Amino acid sequence: MKVGRQKVTILDLRATPLTFSPGEFIALVGGSGSGKTTLMKALNGMAPAQEGQVAIDGRVIIEGKNAAAFAALFSIMGYVPQDDVMHRDLTVTELLRYVARLRLADLSAAEIAAAVDEVLASVDLSQHANKLVRQLSGGQRKRVNIAMELLARPRLLFLDEPTSGLDPGLDLEIMTLLRNWARGTPAAEGAGRSDPKTIVLVTHATENIEQCDYIAFMEPGGRLAYFGPPREAKRFFVPERAPEDVTYSEIYRRVASPPPMVQSRDGGQPATWA
């Protein structure tokens, strides 16, 4: 897959495609230069691929240089950048209503208010609705940033390093929130269930990676080293040790060395990384 002037090469992509389904929480993991952000931007249309193929709901959106069909699907996608982009001198409710008026212009004031209340409950922020954004903790501001995207009710949400700069406790809080939201599970008591969503996360943090359903470990240069369930990655990369004795940070370091083969999420061969 070629994106702009950068090149992301995924080994045996035709035999081992990256396939994401509703209700799944997926992490693209790798160090600097691994191509994880470039791959995400190719998938969400921010930097469409010049070669290769991207399909959504079985519909080919990118094939070669034809990316025109992406525009019609932006309404089902959301994107949360690494840096929080929000007005910090507004209350949480004021900010979300402002965003809703821009993105949901066809709704009435009452419908917008209801949508904001629903999103606040979905990210467990109802109790902070009247606080100024600048008074919130880092983890709470990140949830506001996510809520801004959830207002549009995307079926597919991409996030770039959403836990960057957060301590391990807040990292777990955000990862758990995203996992539950992917599955349609309410974050707070009284919040209703929603339809399952697909969430794709770019990260280099591994402390709470088991919250994800699948991980794509990428090595420098953009090659895919592994795609599958988190715990299976331990057996794949370190087969000589019991999984409970292997950490994901150790796997992260190992991926810095070029792997010669790819493991698929479907259990395809080979079964180890050696």
C-alpha atoms as a PDB file:
ATOM      1  CA  MET A   1       0.000   0.000   0.000  1.00  0.00           C
ATOM      2  CA  LYS A   2       1.486   3.339  -1.051  1.00  0.00           C
ATOM      3  CA  VAL A   3       0.274   6.539   0.625  1.00  0.00           C
ATOM      4  CA  GLY A   4       1.447   9.832  -0.833  1.00  0.00           C
ATOM      5  CA  ARG A   5       5.222   9.894  -0.804  1.00  0.00           C
ATOM      6  CA  GLN A   6       5.381   7.399   2.019  1.00  0.00           C
ATOM      7  CA  LYS A   7       5.173   3.666   1.535  1.00  0.00           C
ATOM      8  CA  VAL A   8       3.479   1.234   3.887  1.00  0.00           C
ATOM      9  CA  THR A   9       4.127  -2.364   2.941  1.00  0.00           C
ATOM     10  CA  ILE A  10       2.064  -5.104   4.566  1.00  0.00           C
ATOM     11  CA  LEU A  11       3.448  -8.577   3.992  1.00  0.00           C
ATOM     12  CA  ASP A  12       1.119 -11.003   2.229  1.00  0.00           C
ATOM     13  CA  LEU A  13      -1.775  -8.559   2.462  1.00  0.00           C
ATOM     14  CA  ARG A  14      -3.732 -10.391  -0.206  1.00  0.00           C
ATOM     15  CA  ALA A  15      -3.483 -13.622   1.794  1.00  0.00           C
ATOM     16  CA  THR A  16      -3.797 -11.944   5.210  1.00  0.00           C
ATOM     17  CA  PRO A  17      -6.035  -8.877   4.896  1.00  0.00           C
ATOM     18  CA  LEU A  18      -6.739  -6.540   7.777  1.00  0.00           C
ATOM     19  CA  THR A  19     -10.465  -7.036   8.399  1.00  0.00           C
ATOM     20  CA  PHE A  20     -12.352  -5.051  11.054  1.00  0.00           C
ATOM     21  CA  SER A  21     -15.943  -5.808  12.083  1.00  0.00           C
ATOM     22  CA  PRO A  22     -18.652  -4.037  14.137  1.00  0.00           C
ATOM     23  CA  GLY A  23     -18.181  -4.492  17.863  1.00  0.00           C
ATOM     24  CA  GLU A  24     -14.400  -4.800  17.563  1.00  0.00           C
ATOM     25  CA  PHE A  25     -11.730  -2.655  19.202  1.00  0.00           C
ATOM     26  CA  ILE A  26      -8.483  -2.809  17.228  1.00  0.00           C
ATOM     27  CA  ALA A  27      -5.058  -1.335  18.016  1.00  0.00           C
ATOM     28  CA  LEU A  28      -2.373  -0.472  15.470  1.00  0.00           C
ATOM     29  CA  VAL A  29       0.799  -0.701  17.560  1.00  0.00           C
ATOM     30  CA  GLY A  30       4.354   0.215  16.664  1.00  0.00           C
ATOM     31  CA  GLY A  31       7.174   2.636  17.260  1.00  0.00           C
ATOM     32  CA  SER A  32       8.116   5.746  15.326  1.00  0.00           C
ATOM     33  CA  GLY A  33       8.486   5.024  11.638  1.00  0.00           C
ATOM     34  CA  SER A  34       6.374   1.871  11.710  1.00  0.00           C
ATOM     35  CA  GLY A  35       3.697   3.432   9.521  1.00  0.00           C
ATOM     36  CA  LYS A  36       0.810   2.977  11.953  1.00  0.00           C
ATOM     37  CA  THR A  37      -0.483   6.542  11.595  1.00  0.00           C
ATOM     38  CA  THR A  38       0.058   6.471   7.839  1.00  0.00           C
ATOM     39  CA  LEU A  39      -1.932   3.253   7.635  1.00  0.00           C
ATOM     40  CA  MET A  40      -4.743   4.729   9.723  1.00  0.00           C
ATOM     41  CA  LYS A  41      -4.925   7.780   7.459  1.00  0.00           C
ATOM     42  CA  ALA A  42      -5.082   5.497   4.439  1.00  0.00           C
ATOM     43  CA  LEU A  43      -7.973   3.616   6.020  1.00  0.00           C
ATOM     44  CA  ASN A  44      -9.962   6.706   6.997  1.00  0.00           C
ATOM     45  CA  GLY A  45      -9.313   8.664   3.804  1.00  0.00           C
ATOM     46  CA  MET A  46      -7.239  11.474   5.326  1.00  0.00           C
ATOM     47  CA  ALA A  47      -4.320  10.405   3.115  1.00  0.00           C
ATOM     48  CA  PRO A  48      -5.831   7.931   0.616  1.00  0.00           C
ATOM     49  CA  ALA A  49      -3.663   5.097  -0.605  1.00  0.00           C
ATOM     50  CA  GLN A  50      -2.208   5.391  -4.092  1.00  0.00           C
ATOM     51  CA  GLU A  51      -1.985   1.628  -4.398  1.00  0.00           C
ATOM     52  CA  GLY A  52      -3.880  -1.239  -2.798  1.00  0.00           C
ATOM     53  CA  GLN A  53      -7.530  -1.585  -1.845  1.00  0.00           C
ATOM     54  CA  VAL A  54      -9.775  -0.457   1.013  1.00  0.00           C
ATOM     55  CA  ALA A  55     -13.356  -1.739   1.299  1.00  0.00           C
ATOM     56  CA  ILE A  56     -16.160  -0.814   3.704  1.00  0.00           C
ATOM     57  CA  ASP A  57     -19.248  -3.015   4.010  1.00  0.00           C
ATOM     58  CA  GLY A  58     -17.877  -4.977   1.080  1.00  0.00           C
ATOM     59  CA  ARG A  59     -17.806  -1.860  -1.080  1.00  0.00           C
ATOM     60  CA  VAL A  60     -14.407  -1.017  -2.545  1.00  0.00           C
ATOM     61  CA  ILE A  61     -13.617   2.569  -1.576  1.00  0.00           C
ATOM     62  CA  ILE A  62     -10.027   2.786  -2.722  1.00  0.00           C
ATOM     63  CA  GLU A  63      -8.492   0.768  -5.504  1.00  0.00           C
ATOM     64  CA  GLY A  64      -5.333   2.183  -6.956  1.00  0.00           C
ATOM     65  CA  LYS A  65      -5.722   5.951  -7.165  1.00  0.00           C
ATOM     66  CA  ASN A  66      -9.525   6.061  -7.148  1.00  0.00           C
ATOM     67  CA  ALA A  67     -10.472   7.543  -3.778  1.00  0.00           C
ATOM     68  CA  ALA A  68     -13.524   9.574  -4.831  1.00  0.00           C
ATOM     69  CA  ALA A  69     -15.974   7.171  -3.191  1.00  0.00           C
ATOM     70  CA  PHE A  70     -14.539   7.986   0.240  1.00  0.00           C
ATOM     71  CA  ALA A  71     -16.349  11.337   0.382  1.00  0.00           C
ATOM     72  CA  ALA A  72     -19.757   9.679   0.530  1.00  0.00           C
ATOM     73  CA  LEU A  73     -18.706   7.639   3.555  1.00  0.00           C
ATOM     74  CA  PHE A  74     -17.187  10.356   5.734  1.00  0.00           C
ATOM     75  CA  SER A  75     -20.532  10.631   7.532  1.00  0.00           C
ATOM     76  CA  ILE A  76     -20.100   7.156   9.052  1.00  0.00           C
ATOM     77  CA  MET A  77     -16.532   7.847  10.219  1.00  0.00           C
ATOM     78  CA  GLY A  78     -15.122   9.757  13.158  1.00  0.00           C
ATOM     79  CA  TYR A  79     -11.551  10.826  13.894  1.00  0.00           C
ATOM     80  CA  VAL A  80     -10.053  11.871  17.237  1.00  0.00           C
ATOM     81  CA  PRO A  81      -6.594  13.470  16.808  1.00  0.00           C
ATOM     82  CA  GLN A  82      -3.795  13.078  19.318  1.00  0.00           C
ATOM     83  CA  ASP A  83      -3.989  16.692  20.488  1.00  0.00           C
ATOM     84  CA  ASP A  84      -7.222  17.873  22.081  1.00  0.00           C
ATOM     85  CA  VAL A  85      -8.894  20.532  19.936  1.00  0.00           C
ATOM     86  CA  MET A  86     -11.531  22.341  21.970  1.00  0.00           C
ATOM     87  CA  HIS A  87     -12.457  25.697  23.523  1.00  0.00           C
ATOM     88  CA  ARG A  88     -11.436  25.384  27.177  1.00  0.00           C
ATOM     89  CA  ASP A  89     -13.392  28.409  28.424  1.00  0.00           C
ATOM     90  CA  LEU A  90     -16.761  26.819  27.641  1.00  0.00           C
ATOM     91  CA  THR A  91     -18.558  24.354  29.853  1.00  0.00           C
ATOM     92  CA  VAL A  92     -18.693  20.779  28.625  1.00  0.00           C
ATOM     93  CA  THR A  93     -22.363  21.169  27.690  1.00  0.00           C
ATOM     94  CA  GLU A  94     -21.773  24.478  25.902  1.00  0.00           C
ATOM     95  CA  LEU A  95     -18.916  22.990  23.906  1.00  0.00           C
ATOM     96  CA  LEU A  96     -20.850  19.901  22.858  1.00  0.00           C
ATOM     97  CA  ARG A  97     -23.933  21.918  21.907  1.00  0.00           C
ATOM     98  CA  TYR A  98     -21.754  24.203  19.798  1.00  0.00           C
ATOM     99  CA  VAL A  99     -20.222  21.205  18.019  1.00  0.00           C
ATOM    100  CA  ALA A 100     -23.661  19.640  17.583  1.00  0.00           C
ATOM    101  CA  ARG A 101     -25.041  22.789  15.939  1.00  0.00           C
ATOM    102  CA  LEU A 102     -22.209  22.617  13.408  1.00  0.00           C
ATOM    103  CA  ARG A 103     -22.418  18.889  12.702  1.00  0.00           C
ATOM    104  CA  LEU A 104     -26.142  18.266  13.206  1.00  0.00           C
ATOM    105  CA  ALA A 105     -27.525  21.421  11.645  1.00  0.00           C
ATOM    106  CA  ASP A 106     -30.807  19.768  10.665  1.00  0.00           C
ATOM    107  CA  LEU A 107     -31.755  19.044  14.293  1.00  0.00           C
ATOM    108  CA  SER A 108     -33.875  21.302  16.481  1.00  0.00           C
ATOM    109  CA  ALA A 109     -32.526  22.851  19.679  1.00  0.00           C
ATOM    110  CA  ALA A 110     -34.408  20.260  21.733  1.00  0.00           C
ATOM    111  CA  GLU A 111     -33.015  17.407  19.638  1.00  0.00           C
ATOM    112  CA  ILE A 112     -29.488  18.782  19.989  1.00  0.00           C
ATOM    113  CA  ALA A 113     -29.889  19.049  23.765  1.00  0.00           C
ATOM    114  CA  ALA A 114     -31.071  15.435  23.883  1.00  0.00           C
ATOM    115  CA  ALA A 115     -28.158  14.291  21.705  1.00  0.00           C
ATOM    116  CA  VAL A 116     -25.665  16.061  23.977  1.00  0.00           C
ATOM    117  CA  ASP A 117     -27.195  14.508  27.096  1.00  0.00           C
ATOM    118  CA  GLU A 118     -27.021  11.070  25.475  1.00  0.00           C
ATOM    119  CA  VAL A 119     -23.366  11.467  24.523  1.00  0.00           C
ATOM    120  CA  LEU A 120     -22.438  12.790  27.969  1.00  0.00           C
ATOM    121  CA  ALA A 121     -23.940   9.674  29.521  1.00  0.00           C
ATOM    122  CA  SER A 122     -22.215   7.411  26.995  1.00  0.00           C
ATOM    123  CA  VAL A 123     -18.767   8.695  28.053  1.00  0.00           C
ATOM    124  CA  ASP A 124     -19.701   8.973  31.756  1.00  0.00           C
ATOM    125  CA  LEU A 125     -19.408  12.765  31.908  1.00  0.00           C
ATOM    126  CA  SER A 126     -22.941  13.770  32.920  1.00  0.00           C
ATOM    127  CA  GLN A 127     -21.738  14.790  36.395  1.00  0.00           C
ATOM    128  CA  HIS A 128     -19.212  17.186  34.820  1.00  0.00           C
ATOM    129  CA  ALA A 129     -21.588  18.725  32.267  1.00  0.00           C
ATOM    130  CA  ASN A 130     -21.485  22.222  33.814  1.00  0.00           C
ATOM    131  CA  LYS A 131     -17.743  22.368  34.460  1.00  0.00           C
ATOM    132  CA  LEU A 132     -15.448  24.469  32.312  1.00  0.00           C
ATOM    133  CA  VAL A 133     -13.342  22.306  30.041  1.00  0.00           C
ATOM    134  CA  ARG A 134     -10.159  23.787  31.523  1.00  0.00           C
ATOM    135  CA  GLN A 135     -11.206  22.517  34.969  1.00  0.00           C
ATOM    136  CA  LEU A 136     -11.269  18.887  33.834  1.00  0.00           C
ATOM    137  CA  SER A 137      -8.527  16.311  34.282  1.00  0.00           C
ATOM    138  CA  GLY A 138      -6.559  15.050  31.305  1.00  0.00           C
ATOM    139  CA  GLY A 139      -8.619  11.885  31.115  1.00  0.00           C
ATOM    140  CA  GLN A 140     -11.883  13.833  31.311  1.00  0.00           C
ATOM    141  CA  ARG A 141     -10.791  16.203  28.532  1.00  0.00           C
ATOM    142  CA  LYS A 142      -9.939  13.214  26.374  1.00  0.00           C
ATOM    143  CA  ARG A 143     -13.441  11.871  26.948  1.00  0.00           C
ATOM    144  CA  VAL A 144     -14.854  15.243  25.889  1.00  0.00           C
ATOM    145  CA  ASN A 145     -12.764  15.042  22.729  1.00  0.00           C
ATOM    146  CA  ILE A 146     -14.201  11.589  22.034  1.00  0.00           C
ATOM    147  CA  ALA A 147     -17.727  12.822  22.822  1.00  0.00           C
ATOM    148  CA  MET A 148     -17.349  15.539  20.178  1.00  0.00           C
ATOM    149  CA  GLU A 149     -16.969  12.804  17.571  1.00  0.00           C
ATOM    150  CA  LEU A 150     -19.677  10.580  19.026  1.00  0.00           C
ATOM    151  CA  LEU A 151     -22.258  13.313  18.446  1.00  0.00           C
ATOM    152  CA  ALA A 152     -22.233  12.399  14.757  1.00  0.00           C
ATOM    153  CA  ARG A 153     -22.859   8.740  15.678  1.00  0.00           C
ATOM    154  CA  PRO A 154     -20.058   7.277  13.560  1.00  0.00           C
ATOM    155  CA  ARG A 155     -20.059   3.558  12.847  1.00  0.00           C
ATOM    156  CA  LEU A 156     -16.285   3.613  12.459  1.00  0.00           C
ATOM    157  CA  LEU A 157     -14.074   5.636  14.805  1.00  0.00           C
ATOM    158  CA  PHE A 158     -10.325   6.230  14.434  1.00  0.00           C
ATOM    159  CA  LEU A 159      -8.210   7.591  17.287  1.00  0.00           C
ATOM    160  CA  ASP A 160      -4.584   8.733  17.143  1.00  0.00           C
ATOM    161  CA  GLU A 161      -2.717   8.120  20.426  1.00  0.00           C
ATOM    162  CA  PRO A 162      -5.755   8.889  22.644  1.00  0.00           C
ATOM    163  CA  THR A 163      -3.921   7.938  25.860  1.00  0.00           C
ATOM    164  CA  SER A 164      -0.682   9.787  25.120  1.00  0.00           C
ATOM    165  CA  GLY A 165       0.506  11.659  28.214  1.00  0.00           C
ATOM    166  CA  LEU A 166      -1.971   9.948  30.547  1.00  0.00           C
ATOM    167  CA  ASP A 167      -0.906   7.935  33.586  1.00  0.00           C
ATOM    168  CA  PRO A 168      -1.609   4.154  33.571  1.00  0.00           C
ATOM    169  CA  GLY A 169      -4.842   4.575  35.534  1.00  0.00           C
ATOM    170  CA  LEU A 170      -6.279   7.104  33.090  1.00  0.00           C
ATOM    171  CA  ASP A 171      -4.949   5.024  30.193  1.00  0.00           C
ATOM    172  CA  LEU A 172      -7.010   2.081  31.453  1.00  0.00           C
ATOM    173  CA  GLU A 173     -10.040   4.331  31.926  1.00  0.00           C
ATOM    174  CA  ILE A 174      -9.958   5.481  28.294  1.00  0.00           C
ATOM    175  CA  MET A 175      -9.210   2.012  26.922  1.00  0.00           C
ATOM    176  CA  THR A 176     -12.110   0.517  28.891  1.00  0.00           C
ATOM    177  CA  LEU A 177     -14.424   3.276  27.687  1.00  0.00           C
ATOM    178  CA  LEU A 178     -13.486   2.606  24.064  1.00  0.00           C
ATOM    179  CA  ARG A 179     -13.880  -1.159  24.449  1.00  0.00           C
ATOM    180  CA  ASN A 180     -17.336  -0.747  25.949  1.00  0.00           C
ATOM    181  CA  TRP A 181     -18.390   1.778  23.351  1.00  0.00           C
ATOM    182  CA  ALA A 182     -17.308  -0.552  20.539  1.00  0.00           C
ATOM    183  CA  ARG A 183     -19.544  -3.235  22.010  1.00  0.00           C
ATOM    184  CA  GLY A 184     -22.452  -0.873  22.594  1.00  0.00           C
ATOM    185  CA  THR A 185     -22.169  -1.222  26.370  1.00  0.00           C
ATOM    186  CA  PRO A 186     -23.180   1.902  28.347  1.00  0.00           C
ATOM    187  CA  ALA A 187     -20.369   3.620  30.256  1.00  0.00           C
ATOM    188  CA  ALA A 188     -22.613   4.834  33.050  1.00  0.00           C
ATOM    189  CA  GLU A 189     -25.692   3.580  34.843  1.00  0.00           C
ATOM    190  CA  GLY A 190     -28.800   4.823  33.080  1.00  0.00           C
ATOM    191  CA  ALA A 191     -27.127   5.187  29.697  1.00  0.00           C
ATOM    192  CA  GLY A 192     -28.771   3.120  26.991  1.00  0.00           C
ATOM    193  CA  ARG A 193     -27.074   0.515  24.837  1.00  0.00           C
ATOM    194  CA  SER A 194     -26.094   1.471  21.306  1.00  0.00           C
ATOM    195  CA  ASP A 195     -25.322  -0.433  18.149  1.00  0.00           C
ATOM    196  CA  PRO A 196     -21.841  -2.021  18.042  1.00  0.00           C
ATOM    197  CA  LYS A 197     -19.176   0.154  16.439  1.00  0.00           C
ATOM    198  CA  THR A 198     -15.718  -0.451  15.006  1.00  0.00           C
ATOM    199  CA  ILE A 199     -12.928   1.417  16.802  1.00  0.00           C
ATOM    200  CA  VAL A 200      -9.387   1.590  15.423  1.00  0.00           C
ATOM    201  CA  LEU A 201      -6.738   2.982  17.745  1.00  0.00           C
ATOM    202  CA  VAL A 202      -3.164   4.017  16.953  1.00  0.00           C
ATOM    203  CA  THR A 203      -0.857   3.709  19.958  1.00  0.00           C
ATOM    204  CA  HIS A 204       2.609   2.910  21.201  1.00  0.00           C
ATOM    205  CA  ALA A 205       1.347   2.254  24.753  1.00  0.00           C
ATOM    206  CA  THR A 206       0.987  -1.400  25.700  1.00  0.00           C
ATOM    207  CA  GLU A 207       0.012  -1.347  29.398  1.00  0.00           C
ATOM    208  CA  ASN A 208      -3.689  -1.950  28.758  1.00  0.00           C
ATOM    209  CA  ILE A 209      -3.617  -3.422  25.280  1.00  0.00           C
ATOM    210  CA  GLU A 210      -5.605  -6.477  26.366  1.00  0.00           C
ATOM    211  CA  GLN A 211      -8.684  -4.262  26.374  1.00  0.00           C
ATOM    212  CA  CYS A 212      -8.527  -4.580  22.580  1.00  0.00           C
ATOM    213  CA  ASP A 213     -10.010  -7.456  20.616  1.00  0.00           C
ATOM    214  CA  TYR A 214      -7.213  -7.454  18.037  1.00  0.00           C
ATOM    215  CA  ILE A 215      -3.739  -5.982  17.690  1.00  0.00           C
ATOM    216  CA  ALA A 216      -1.752  -5.192  14.581  1.00  0.00           C
ATOM    217  CA  PHE A 217       1.942  -5.003  15.542  1.00  0.00           C
ATOM    218  CA  MET A 218       3.883  -3.041  12.934  1.00  0.00           C
ATOM    219  CA  GLU A 219       7.646  -2.917  12.548  1.00  0.00           C
ATOM    220  CA  PRO A 220       9.755   0.021  11.306  1.00  0.00           C
ATOM    221  CA  GLY A 221       9.262   0.499   7.596  1.00  0.00           C
ATOM    222  CA  GLY A 222       5.580  -0.314   7.702  1.00  0.00           C
ATOM    223  CA  ARG A 223       5.550  -4.109   7.627  1.00  0.00           C
ATOM    224  CA  LEU A 224       2.907  -6.041   9.513  1.00  0.00           C
ATOM    225  CA  ALA A 225       4.453  -8.406  12.056  1.00  0.00           C
ATOM    226  CA  TYR A 226       1.250  -9.724  13.642  1.00  0.00           C
ATOM    227  CA  PHE A 227      -2.519  -9.319  13.476  1.00  0.00           C
ATOM    228  CA  GLY A 228      -4.674 -11.215  15.949  1.00  0.00           C
ATOM    229  CA  PRO A 229      -5.894 -11.417  19.565  1.00  0.00           C
ATOM    230  CA  PRO A 230      -3.602  -9.877  22.208  1.00  0.00           C
ATOM    231  CA  ARG A 231      -2.911 -13.054  24.181  1.00  0.00           C
ATOM    232  CA  GLU A 232      -2.119 -15.026  21.025  1.00  0.00           C
ATOM    233  CA  ALA A 233       0.578 -12.454  20.282  1.00  0.00           C
ATOM    234  CA  LYS A 234       2.469 -13.672  23.345  1.00  0.00           C
ATOM    235  CA  ARG A 235       2.565 -17.237  22.010  1.00  0.00           C
ATOM    236  CA  PHE A 236       3.422 -15.993  18.541  1.00  0.00           C
ATOM    237  CA  PHE A 237       6.393 -13.821  19.505  1.00  0.00           C
ATOM    238  CA  VAL A 238       7.679 -15.736  22.547  1.00  0.00           C
ATOM    239  CA  PRO A 239       6.594 -19.391  22.124  1.00  0.00           C
ATOM    240  CA  GLU A 240       9.289 -20.663  24.477  1.00  0.00           C
ATOM    241  CA  ARG A 241       7.699 -19.001  27.537  1.00  0.00           C
ATOM    242  CA  ALA A 242       4.316 -19.165  29.232  1.00  0.00           C
ATOM    243  CA  PRO A 243       2.053 -16.264  28.142  1.00  0.00           C
ATOM    244  CA  GLU A 244       1.730 -14.985  31.709  1.00  0.00           C
ATOM    245  CA  ASP A 245       5.513 -14.491  31.790  1.00  0.00           C
ATOM    246  CA  VAL A 246       5.526 -12.330  28.641  1.00  0.00           C
ATOM    247  CA  THR A 247       4.726  -8.617  28.628  1.00  0.00           C
ATOM    248  CA  TYR A 248       3.452  -6.602  25.697  1.00  0.00           C
ATOM    249  CA  SER A 249       6.257  -4.100  26.205  1.00  0.00           C
ATOM    250  CA  GLU A 250       8.680  -6.976  25.553  1.00  0.00           C
ATOM    251  CA  ILE A 251       6.850  -7.795  22.329  1.00  0.00           C
ATOM    252  CA  TYR A 252       6.954  -4.119  21.392  1.00  0.00           C
ATOM    253  CA  ARG A 253      10.742  -4.160  21.713  1.00  0.00           C
ATOM    254  CA  ARG A 254      11.047  -7.380  19.718  1.00  0.00           C
ATOM    255  CA  VAL A 255       9.040  -5.954  16.849  1.00  0.00           C
ATOM    256  CA  ALA A 256      11.822  -3.408  16.377  1.00  0.00           C
ATOM    257  CA  SER A 257      13.702  -6.294  14.698  1.00  0.00           C
ATOM    258  CA  PRO A 258      12.361  -7.227  11.250  1.00  0.00           C
ATOM    259  CA  PRO A 259      10.053 -10.259  11.443  1.00  0.00           C
ATOM    260  CA  PRO A 260      10.220 -12.697   8.538  1.00  0.00           C
ATOM    261  CA  MET A 261       6.565 -13.749   8.587  1.00  0.00           C
ATOM    262  CA  VAL A 262       3.010 -12.678   9.367  1.00  0.00           C
ATOM    263  CA  GLN A 263       0.452 -14.276  11.670  1.00  0.00           C
ATOM    264  CA  SER A 264      -3.199 -13.657  10.758  1.00  0.00           C
ATOM    265  CA  ARG A 265      -6.125 -13.128  13.116  1.00  0.00           C
ATOM    266  CA  ASP A 266      -7.661 -16.307  11.734  1.00  0.00           C
ATOM    267  CA  GLY A 267      -4.848 -18.478  13.010  1.00  0.00           C
ATOM    268  CA  GLY A 268      -3.085 -18.847   9.662  1.00  0.00           C
ATOM    269  CA  GLN A 269       0.405 -20.308   9.463  1.00  0.00           C
ATOM    270  CA  PRO A 270       3.072 -19.817  10.587  1.00  0.00           C
ATOM    271  CA  ALA A 271       2.184 -20.083  14.269  1.00  0.00           C
ATOM    272  CA  THR A 272       5.280 -18.401  15.671  1.00  0.00           C
ATOM    273  CA  TRP A 273       7.544 -15.443  15.001  1.00  0.00           C
ATOM    274  CA  ALA A 274      11.034 -16.875  14.636  1.00  0.00           C
END
